Amino acid sequence: MAFDNPSHQSFAGPIEMITFGNEQYVWKSEGPNGHPDPNESPMTKTLPAGTHAITLPKASVTVLRGNGA
């Protein structure tokens, strides 16, 4: 992850991580009309203040929310 603003290159306090990935949906094989079918809500967890590295789940959309340092 990279921050565009050089004065905000980390989070201050806890970080909320919201993920929708391959653990939250299944693929419906319907030939050319195949599509993901949601079967679970996005996963939400709180990472503690001072977290320096975050591993993003493969094949996911992940949103990180927190306050800039």
Protein backbone atom coordinates (compact mmCIF):
# COMPACT_ATOMS: atom_id res chain seq x y z
CA MET A 1 0.00 0.00 0.00
CA ALA A 2 1.21 3.49 -0.68
CA PHE A 3 -0.12 6.83 0.44
CA ASP A 4 -0.23 9.68 -2.08
CA ASN A 5 0.14 12.42 0.53
CA PRO A 6 3.69 12.40 1.98
CA SER A 7 2.44 13.89 5.25
CA HIS A 8 0.05 10.93 5.77
CA GLN A 9 1.98 7.70 5.29
CA SER A 10 0.46 5.64 8.06
CA PHE A 11 -2.66 5.20 10.12
CA ALA A 12 -3.07 6.59 13.63
CA GLY A 13 -5.03 4.28 15.88
CA PRO A 14 -6.91 1.15 14.91
CA ILE A 15 -7.69 0.24 11.29
CA GLU A 16 -11.00 -1.21 10.15
CA MET A 17 -10.49 -3.80 7.39
CA ILE A 18 -13.52 -4.78 5.29
CA THR A 19 -12.97 -7.59 2.77
CA PHE A 20 -15.12 -9.24 0.13
CA GLY A 21 -13.21 -12.10 -1.44
CA ASN A 22 -13.25 -15.74 -2.41
CA GLU A 23 -14.22 -16.76 1.12
CA GLN A 24 -17.40 -14.67 0.85
CA TYR A 25 -18.75 -15.80 -2.52
CA VAL A 26 -19.01 -18.80 -4.83
CA TRP A 27 -18.70 -18.86 -8.60
CA LYS A 28 -21.80 -19.96 -10.53
CA SER A 29 -20.65 -21.72 -13.69
CA GLU A 30 -23.24 -20.89 -16.30
CA GLY A 31 -21.10 -20.90 -19.43
CA PRO A 32 -20.69 -17.40 -20.85
CA ASN A 33 -23.12 -16.13 -18.18
CA GLY A 34 -21.01 -17.36 -15.26
CA HIS A 35 -20.93 -14.96 -12.32
CA PRO A 36 -20.06 -14.65 -8.64
CA ASP A 37 -23.00 -15.19 -6.35
CA PRO A 38 -22.63 -13.60 -2.90
CA ASN A 39 -23.32 -16.05 -0.13
CA GLU A 40 -21.65 -14.32 2.82
CA SER A 41 -21.41 -10.76 4.09
CA PRO A 42 -18.08 -8.97 3.75
CA MET A 43 -15.63 -9.86 6.52
CA THR A 44 -14.91 -6.99 8.91
CA LYS A 45 -12.13 -6.93 11.48
CA THR A 46 -10.26 -4.30 13.44
CA LEU A 47 -6.48 -4.22 13.27
CA PRO A 48 -4.76 -2.77 16.33
CA ALA A 49 -3.01 0.58 16.40
CA GLY A 50 0.61 0.22 15.35
CA THR A 51 -0.08 -2.36 12.64
CA HIS A 52 2.80 -1.95 10.18
CA ALA A 53 1.98 -4.56 7.51
CA ILE A 54 -1.32 -5.77 6.14
CA THR A 55 -1.64 -8.85 3.96
CA LEU A 56 -4.57 -8.54 1.58
CA PRO A 57 -6.49 -11.74 0.80
CA LYS A 58 -6.12 -12.97 -2.78
CA ALA A 59 -8.94 -12.25 -5.21
CA SER A 60 -10.54 -9.72 -2.88
CA VAL A 61 -11.78 -6.18 -2.69
CA THR A 62 -10.53 -4.73 0.58
CA VAL A 63 -11.26 -1.35 2.14
CA LEU A 64 -9.06 0.02 4.93
CA ARG A 65 -10.55 2.78 7.08
CA GLY A 66 -8.75 4.74 9.75
CA ASN A 67 -7.32 8.10 10.69
CA GLY A 68 -4.19 9.40 8.99
CA ALA A 69 -1.15 9.92 11.20
